[in-house]
Amino acid sequence: MTVREQQLCGQPDSHVIDICTAEKRCLITLDIDFADTLTYPPEKYAGIILLRLPRKPVLSDIDVAVDTVIEALKHGADVAGKLWVVRRKTIRQFVPSKNNADPQA
């Protein structure tokens, strides 16, 4: 489902992520605000995937980023409770630790 399909365009980020949580869906977004792990602690969600594209992206940039996510999932990666920052063919994963959150590459 997309924000548009669910008529959530213009809604606050907190409302969008609450809907994802209620529906047990991972959020895939271009919105850098969701990388703030203090505001959006990954362990509270079914996963947050932030697509980081070039300054002037073209459709192929989005395709490569999405394909990167799909390949990771096909190979058993689990995004639940994590923040993934996806660039062309790379994923940086943030996994919260028990003592606080530590970034992991």
Protein backbone atom coordinates (compact mmCIF):
# COMPACT_ATOMS: atom_id res chain seq x y z
CA MET A 1 0.00 0.00 0.00
CA THR A 2 1.16 3.53 -0.63
CA VAL A 3 0.52 6.72 1.29
CA ARG A 4 -1.56 7.90 -1.64
CA GLU A 5 -3.59 4.68 -1.79
CA GLN A 6 -4.38 5.00 1.91
CA GLN A 7 -5.19 8.70 1.58
CA LEU A 8 -2.42 9.66 4.00
CA CYS A 9 -0.78 12.36 1.83
CA GLY A 10 0.03 15.38 3.97
CA GLN A 11 -0.40 13.48 7.24
CA PRO A 12 2.27 13.86 9.93
CA ASP A 13 5.09 11.31 9.86
CA SER A 14 4.00 10.02 13.27
CA HIS A 15 0.55 9.19 11.89
CA VAL A 16 1.99 7.39 8.85
CA ILE A 17 4.28 5.23 10.98
CA ASP A 18 1.42 4.51 13.40
CA ILE A 19 -0.63 3.17 10.47
CA CYS A 20 2.31 1.00 9.39
CA THR A 21 2.61 -0.32 12.93
CA ALA A 22 -1.10 -1.09 13.21
CA GLU A 23 -0.95 -2.94 9.88
CA LYS A 24 2.36 -4.65 10.76
CA ARG A 25 3.97 -3.21 7.64
CA CYS A 26 7.51 -2.09 7.02
CA LEU A 27 7.78 1.56 5.98
CA ILE A 28 9.74 2.25 2.80
CA THR A 29 10.37 5.96 2.44
CA LEU A 30 12.49 8.74 0.98
CA ASP A 31 11.82 10.90 4.07
CA ILE A 32 15.09 11.37 6.01
CA ASP A 33 13.14 12.24 9.15
CA PHE A 34 12.55 8.52 9.70
CA ALA A 35 16.32 8.02 10.17
CA ASP A 36 16.00 9.79 13.55
CA THR A 37 16.22 6.76 15.82
CA LEU A 38 15.34 8.78 18.91
CA THR A 39 12.01 9.83 17.40
CA TYR A 40 11.43 6.54 15.55
CA PRO A 41 13.21 3.75 17.48
CA PRO A 42 13.46 0.92 14.93
CA GLU A 43 12.73 -1.79 17.48
CA LYS A 44 9.17 -0.46 17.80
CA TYR A 45 8.34 -1.05 14.14
CA ALA A 46 8.08 -3.78 11.53
CA GLY A 47 11.04 -2.07 9.88
CA ILE A 48 11.99 1.25 8.36
CA ILE A 49 13.72 1.35 5.00
CA LEU A 50 15.06 4.73 3.97
CA LEU A 51 15.95 5.01 0.28
CA ARG A 52 18.77 7.52 -0.18
CA LEU A 53 18.92 8.56 -3.80
CA PRO A 54 21.19 10.93 -5.70
CA ARG A 55 20.37 14.64 -5.58
CA LYS A 56 18.59 14.47 -8.95
CA PRO A 57 17.34 10.90 -9.11
CA VAL A 58 16.05 9.19 -12.20
CA LEU A 59 13.76 6.18 -12.30
CA SER A 60 16.69 3.77 -12.60
CA ASP A 61 18.06 5.05 -9.25
CA ILE A 62 14.82 4.05 -7.56
CA ASP A 63 14.81 0.71 -9.39
CA VAL A 64 18.35 -0.10 -8.19
CA ALA A 65 17.54 0.85 -4.59
CA VAL A 66 14.36 -1.24 -4.56
CA ASP A 67 16.15 -4.17 -6.23
CA THR A 68 18.81 -3.94 -3.50
CA VAL A 69 16.10 -4.30 -0.84
CA ILE A 70 14.42 -7.18 -2.68
CA GLU A 71 17.71 -9.08 -3.05
CA ALA A 72 18.51 -8.66 0.64
CA LEU A 73 15.09 -9.99 1.61
CA LYS A 74 15.40 -12.90 -0.83
CA HIS A 75 18.66 -13.88 0.89
CA GLY A 76 17.05 -13.99 4.32
CA ALA A 77 17.70 -10.49 5.66
CA ASP A 78 15.08 -9.37 8.14
CA VAL A 79 14.21 -5.69 8.47
CA ALA A 80 11.84 -6.09 11.44
CA GLY A 81 12.97 -3.88 14.31
CA LYS A 82 15.72 -2.31 12.20
CA LEU A 83 16.44 0.77 10.16
CA TRP A 84 17.95 0.16 6.74
CA VAL A 85 19.50 3.04 4.84
CA VAL A 86 19.68 1.94 1.22
CA ARG A 87 21.88 3.51 -1.42
CA ARG A 88 22.80 2.12 -4.82
CA LYS A 89 23.51 -1.57 -4.15
CA THR A 90 24.36 -1.05 -0.45
CA ILE A 91 22.43 -1.30 2.79
CA ARG A 92 23.54 0.21 6.08
CA GLN A 93 21.68 -1.41 8.89
CA PHE A 94 20.95 0.12 12.28
CA VAL A 95 20.25 -2.50 14.90
CA PRO A 96 19.37 -1.37 18.41
CA SER A 97 21.37 -2.99 21.19
CA LYS A 98 20.20 -3.70 24.73
CA ASN A 99 22.32 -0.87 26.20
CA ASN A 100 21.35 1.67 23.57
CA ALA A 101 21.32 1.74 19.82
CA ASP A 102 24.55 1.16 17.93
CA PRO A 103 24.88 1.67 14.18
CA GLN A 104 26.06 -1.37 12.24
CA ALA A 105 27.25 -1.44 8.67
